[in-house]
N, C-alpha and C. Protein backbone atom coordinates (compact mmCIF):
# COMPACT_ATOMS: atom_id res chain seq x y z
N MET A 1 92.06 109.00 81.47
CA MET A 1 92.77 109.97 82.13
C MET A 1 93.97 109.59 82.63
N TYR A 2 94.29 108.03 83.20
CA TYR A 2 95.60 107.63 83.78
C TYR A 2 96.00 106.91 82.95
N GLU A 3 96.20 107.00 81.75
CA GLU A 3 96.77 106.30 80.58
C GLU A 3 98.44 106.11 80.96
N ARG A 4 98.71 106.89 81.46
CA ARG A 4 100.00 106.98 82.08
C ARG A 4 100.60 105.69 82.85
N PHE A 5 99.49 105.44 83.56
CA PHE A 5 99.68 104.04 84.63
C PHE A 5 98.92 102.92 83.95
N GLY A 6 98.57 102.94 82.79
CA GLY A 6 97.92 102.10 82.30
C GLY A 6 96.64 101.43 82.32
N ARG A 7 95.93 102.41 83.19
CA ARG A 7 94.54 102.28 83.74
C ARG A 7 93.53 103.37 83.36
N ASP A 8 92.43 103.13 83.34
CA ASP A 8 91.26 104.02 83.23
C ASP A 8 90.93 104.63 84.41
N GLU A 9 91.30 104.07 85.56
CA GLU A 9 91.10 104.91 86.99
C GLU A 9 92.14 104.60 87.85
N LEU A 10 92.13 105.30 88.87
CA LEU A 10 93.39 105.16 89.83
C LEU A 10 92.79 104.00 90.76
N ILE A 11 93.72 103.23 91.29
CA ILE A 11 93.27 102.11 92.29
C ILE A 11 92.98 102.86 93.64
N GLN A 12 91.83 102.20 94.09
CA GLN A 12 91.32 102.80 95.37
C GLN A 12 92.42 102.40 96.58
N GLU A 13 92.52 103.14 97.58
CA GLU A 13 93.60 103.00 98.63
C GLU A 13 92.62 101.74 99.49
N PRO A 14 93.60 100.82 100.10
CA PRO A 14 93.13 99.61 100.70
C PRO A 14 92.23 100.47 102.07
N GLU A 15 91.22 99.28 102.44
CA GLU A 15 90.86 99.89 103.80
C GLU A 15 91.98 99.56 104.83
N ILE A 16 92.34 100.76 105.69
CA ILE A 16 93.00 100.21 106.79
C ILE A 16 92.47 100.19 108.00
N PRO A 17 92.52 98.90 108.72
CA PRO A 17 91.90 98.78 110.12
C PRO A 17 92.29 99.72 111.27
N GLU A 18 91.60 100.34 111.81
CA GLU A 18 91.68 101.31 112.92
C GLU A 18 93.02 100.99 113.64
N GLU A 19 93.26 99.49 113.95
CA GLU A 19 94.64 99.46 114.84
C GLU A 19 95.88 99.81 113.84
N GLY A 20 95.88 100.05 112.63
CA GLY A 20 96.86 100.04 111.65
C GLY A 20 97.05 101.31 111.15
N GLU A 21 96.17 102.28 111.54
CA GLU A 21 96.18 103.59 110.88
C GLU A 21 97.28 104.52 111.28
N SER A 22 97.67 104.23 112.36
CA SER A 22 99.03 104.94 112.67
C SER A 22 100.35 104.42 112.04
N LEU A 23 100.38 102.97 111.89
CA LEU A 23 101.66 102.52 111.15
C LEU A 23 101.35 103.04 109.54
N TRP A 24 100.20 102.94 108.98
CA TRP A 24 99.91 103.24 107.70
C TRP A 24 100.34 104.90 107.58
N ALA A 25 100.05 105.50 108.34
CA ALA A 25 100.28 107.08 108.24
C ALA A 25 102.19 107.20 108.47
N ALA A 26 102.43 106.72 109.48
CA ALA A 26 103.84 106.41 109.83
C ALA A 26 104.58 106.06 108.71
N PHE A 27 104.41 104.95 107.89
CA PHE A 27 105.19 104.64 106.67
C PHE A 27 105.14 105.77 105.64
N TRP A 28 103.72 106.22 105.27
CA TRP A 28 103.79 107.56 104.48
C TRP A 28 104.41 108.67 104.85
N LEU A 29 104.69 109.14 106.21
CA LEU A 29 105.56 109.98 106.31
C LEU A 29 106.90 109.90 106.23
N LEU A 30 107.47 108.63 106.58
CA LEU A 30 108.79 108.10 106.38
C LEU A 30 108.96 108.09 104.74
N ASN A 31 108.33 107.51 104.09
CA ASN A 31 107.98 107.50 102.56
C ASN A 31 108.57 108.70 101.91
N ARG A 32 107.83 110.00 102.33
CA ARG A 32 108.00 111.09 101.94
C ARG A 32 109.24 111.76 101.97
N ARG A 33 110.01 111.31 102.69
CA ARG A 33 111.69 111.64 103.04
C ARG A 33 112.79 110.65 102.71
N ARG A 34 112.32 109.86 101.89
CA ARG A 34 113.22 108.46 101.62
C ARG A 34 114.36 109.15 100.63
N PRO A 35 115.51 108.68 100.70
CA PRO A 35 116.56 108.98 100.12
C PRO A 35 116.21 108.34 98.57
N GLN A 36 116.63 109.08 97.72
CA GLN A 36 116.66 108.62 96.03
C GLN A 36 118.01 108.09 95.60
N GLY A 37 118.04 107.25 94.79
CA GLY A 37 119.29 106.69 94.48
C GLY A 37 119.23 106.71 92.88
N MET A 38 120.41 106.37 92.05
CA MET A 38 120.32 106.04 90.75
C MET A 38 119.22 105.46 90.19
N ASN A 39 118.79 104.74 90.84
CA ASN A 39 117.77 103.63 90.29
C ASN A 39 116.07 103.78 91.09
N GLY A 40 116.16 104.84 91.37
CA GLY A 40 115.07 105.42 92.25
C GLY A 40 115.06 105.14 93.88
N PRO A 41 113.80 105.14 94.31
CA PRO A 41 114.12 105.09 96.07
C PRO A 41 114.74 104.17 96.77
N GLN A 42 115.50 104.40 97.91
CA GLN A 42 116.30 103.51 98.68
C GLN A 42 115.32 103.26 99.38
N PRO A 43 115.82 101.85 100.22
CA PRO A 43 114.76 101.46 101.19
C PRO A 43 115.08 102.30 102.38
N LEU A 44 113.99 102.12 103.31
CA LEU A 44 113.98 103.21 104.45
C LEU A 44 114.96 102.07 105.39
N THR A 45 115.97 102.98 106.14
CA THR A 45 116.90 102.28 107.00
C THR A 45 116.40 102.56 108.43
N TYR A 46 116.93 101.45 109.38
CA TYR A 46 116.67 101.45 110.67
C TYR A 46 116.98 102.91 111.23
N ALA A 47 118.00 103.55 111.10
CA ALA A 47 118.44 104.65 111.32
C ALA A 47 117.36 105.75 111.15
N GLU A 48 117.09 106.00 109.94
CA GLU A 48 115.95 106.73 109.62
C GLU A 48 114.71 106.73 110.35
N ILE A 49 114.14 105.18 110.64
CA ILE A 49 113.24 105.00 111.50
C ILE A 49 113.28 105.43 112.88
N ALA A 50 114.51 105.26 113.42
CA ALA A 50 114.63 105.60 114.92
C ALA A 50 114.77 107.23 114.76
N SER A 51 115.38 107.88 113.86
CA SER A 51 115.51 109.57 113.97
C SER A 51 114.24 109.64 114.01
N TRP A 52 113.15 109.22 112.79
CA TRP A 52 111.87 109.85 112.95
C TRP A 52 110.99 109.68 114.08
N SER A 53 111.34 108.45 114.59
CA SER A 53 110.72 108.11 115.98
C SER A 53 111.25 109.23 116.97
N ARG A 54 112.23 109.38 117.09
CA ARG A 54 112.91 110.36 118.19
C ARG A 54 112.38 111.95 118.08
N LEU A 55 112.47 112.18 116.71
CA LEU A 55 111.68 113.49 116.65
C LEU A 55 110.44 114.04 116.36
N THR A 56 109.85 112.62 116.37
CA THR A 56 108.23 113.00 116.33
C THR A 56 107.72 112.54 117.73
N GLY A 57 108.57 111.91 118.39
CA GLY A 57 107.69 111.44 119.82
C GLY A 57 107.26 110.10 119.71
N GLU A 58 107.13 109.70 118.47
CA GLU A 58 106.27 108.57 118.25
C GLU A 58 106.79 107.24 118.56
N ILE A 59 106.73 106.30 119.84
CA ILE A 59 107.35 105.40 119.92
C ILE A 59 106.66 104.01 119.50
N LEU A 60 107.88 103.35 118.63
CA LEU A 60 107.44 102.14 117.93
C LEU A 60 107.91 100.99 118.71
N LEU A 61 107.10 99.84 118.67
CA LEU A 61 107.34 98.82 119.29
C LEU A 61 108.25 98.02 118.18
N ARG A 62 109.19 96.71 118.62
CA ARG A 62 109.93 96.11 117.44
C ARG A 62 109.04 95.66 116.63
N GLU A 63 107.94 94.92 116.86
CA GLU A 63 106.76 94.74 115.76
C GLU A 63 106.60 95.75 114.79
N GLU A 64 106.08 96.80 115.59
CA GLU A 64 105.76 97.79 114.56
C GLU A 64 106.89 98.27 113.56
N ILE A 65 108.09 98.05 113.87
CA ILE A 65 109.22 98.59 112.97
C ILE A 65 109.35 97.60 112.00
N THR A 66 109.11 96.29 112.55
CA THR A 66 109.15 94.94 111.24
C THR A 66 107.83 95.26 110.32
N ILE A 67 106.63 95.65 110.91
CA ILE A 67 105.80 95.85 110.12
C ILE A 67 105.99 97.23 109.20
N ILE A 68 106.59 98.21 109.27
CA ILE A 68 107.14 99.28 108.66
C ILE A 68 108.03 98.82 107.54
N THR A 69 109.24 97.83 107.93
CA THR A 69 109.78 97.60 107.11
C THR A 69 109.40 96.46 106.02
N ASP A 70 108.19 95.69 106.42
CA ASP A 70 107.58 94.91 105.43
C ASP A 70 106.99 95.59 104.49
N MET A 71 106.09 96.67 105.06
CA MET A 71 105.51 97.82 104.13
C MET A 71 106.65 98.13 103.10
N ASP A 72 107.71 98.55 103.79
CA ASP A 72 108.53 99.29 102.66
C ASP A 72 109.01 98.11 101.53
N ASP A 73 109.39 97.15 101.86
CA ASP A 73 109.76 96.02 100.88
C ASP A 73 108.56 95.88 100.17
N ALA A 74 107.38 95.73 100.65
CA ALA A 74 106.13 95.62 99.40
C ALA A 74 106.12 96.67 98.52
N TYR A 75 106.38 98.01 99.01
CA TYR A 75 106.16 98.95 98.36
C TYR A 75 107.31 99.16 97.19
N LEU A 76 108.40 98.89 97.54
CA LEU A 76 109.51 98.85 96.51
C LEU A 76 109.29 97.80 95.66
N ASP A 77 109.10 96.50 95.87
CA ASP A 77 108.50 95.76 95.15
C ASP A 77 107.44 96.02 94.20
N ALA A 78 106.47 96.30 94.57
CA ALA A 78 105.48 97.00 93.60
C ALA A 78 105.94 98.06 92.59
N LEU A 79 106.91 99.13 93.22
CA LEU A 79 107.00 100.04 92.42
C LEU A 79 108.15 99.66 91.23
N SER A 80 108.88 98.59 91.55
CA SER A 80 109.89 97.84 90.82
C SER A 80 109.11 97.29 89.36
N LYS A 81 107.95 96.19 89.86
CA LYS A 81 107.22 95.82 89.00
C LYS A 81 106.70 96.80 87.98
N GLU A 82 106.12 97.81 88.67
CA GLU A 82 105.29 98.79 87.91
C GLU A 82 106.37 99.51 86.66
N ARG A 83 107.56 99.84 87.27
CA ARG A 83 108.82 100.19 86.43
C ARG A 83 109.13 99.43 85.17
N GLU A 84 109.17 98.12 85.62
CA GLU A 84 109.65 97.02 84.72
C GLU A 84 108.36 96.92 83.59
N ALA A 85 107.19 96.94 84.08
CA ALA A 85 106.15 96.93 83.20
C ALA A 85 106.06 98.23 82.21
N GLN A 86 106.46 99.31 82.66
CA GLN A 86 106.65 100.70 81.99
C GLN A 86 107.52 100.51 81.14
N ARG A 87 108.81 99.94 81.48
CA ARG A 87 109.97 99.58 80.41
C ARG A 87 109.50 98.92 79.31
N VAL A 88 108.93 97.63 79.73
CA VAL A 88 108.55 96.80 78.63
C VAL A 88 107.76 97.50 77.69
N ALA A 89 106.66 98.24 78.30
CA ALA A 89 105.67 98.80 77.37
C ALA A 89 106.05 100.12 76.51
N ASN A 90 107.33 100.65 76.86
CA ASN A 90 107.98 101.37 75.96
C ASN A 90 109.15 100.84 75.18
N GLU A 91 109.66 99.58 75.09
CA GLU A 91 110.46 99.25 74.09
C GLU A 91 109.64 99.26 72.61
N LYS A 92 110.64 99.71 71.77
CA LYS A 92 110.02 99.37 70.32
C LYS A 92 110.14 98.22 70.02
N PRO A 93 109.29 97.35 69.19
CA PRO A 93 109.44 96.44 68.57
C PRO A 93 110.76 96.39 67.40
N GLY A 94 111.42 95.38 67.50
CA GLY A 94 112.57 95.14 66.36
C GLY A 94 113.95 95.53 67.06
N LYS A 95 113.91 96.10 68.46
CA LYS A 95 115.11 96.59 69.13
C LYS A 95 115.42 95.47 69.90
N GLY A 96 116.45 95.26 70.12
CA GLY A 96 117.14 94.00 70.88
C GLY A 96 118.27 94.22 71.59
């Protein structure tokens, strides 16, 4: 069913500790509004995080902003690896 992703089933979402649920939710809300570039999603900027915080009233500590940007880096890295694996899988033999 999930052949497009090279899997028989989708990966389960990780268990998020209760203390991290608000940051997990914040990251995915920010992710839905991230800008797209020629090569896919662009990194979240501090300005975007600050605007989101101001507009929603969600006050973030410096440490929480660091966690969100680390999550974003990991997300973009995983997405890049997934796209590279897909590109390699789609290459035709004999082309160089």
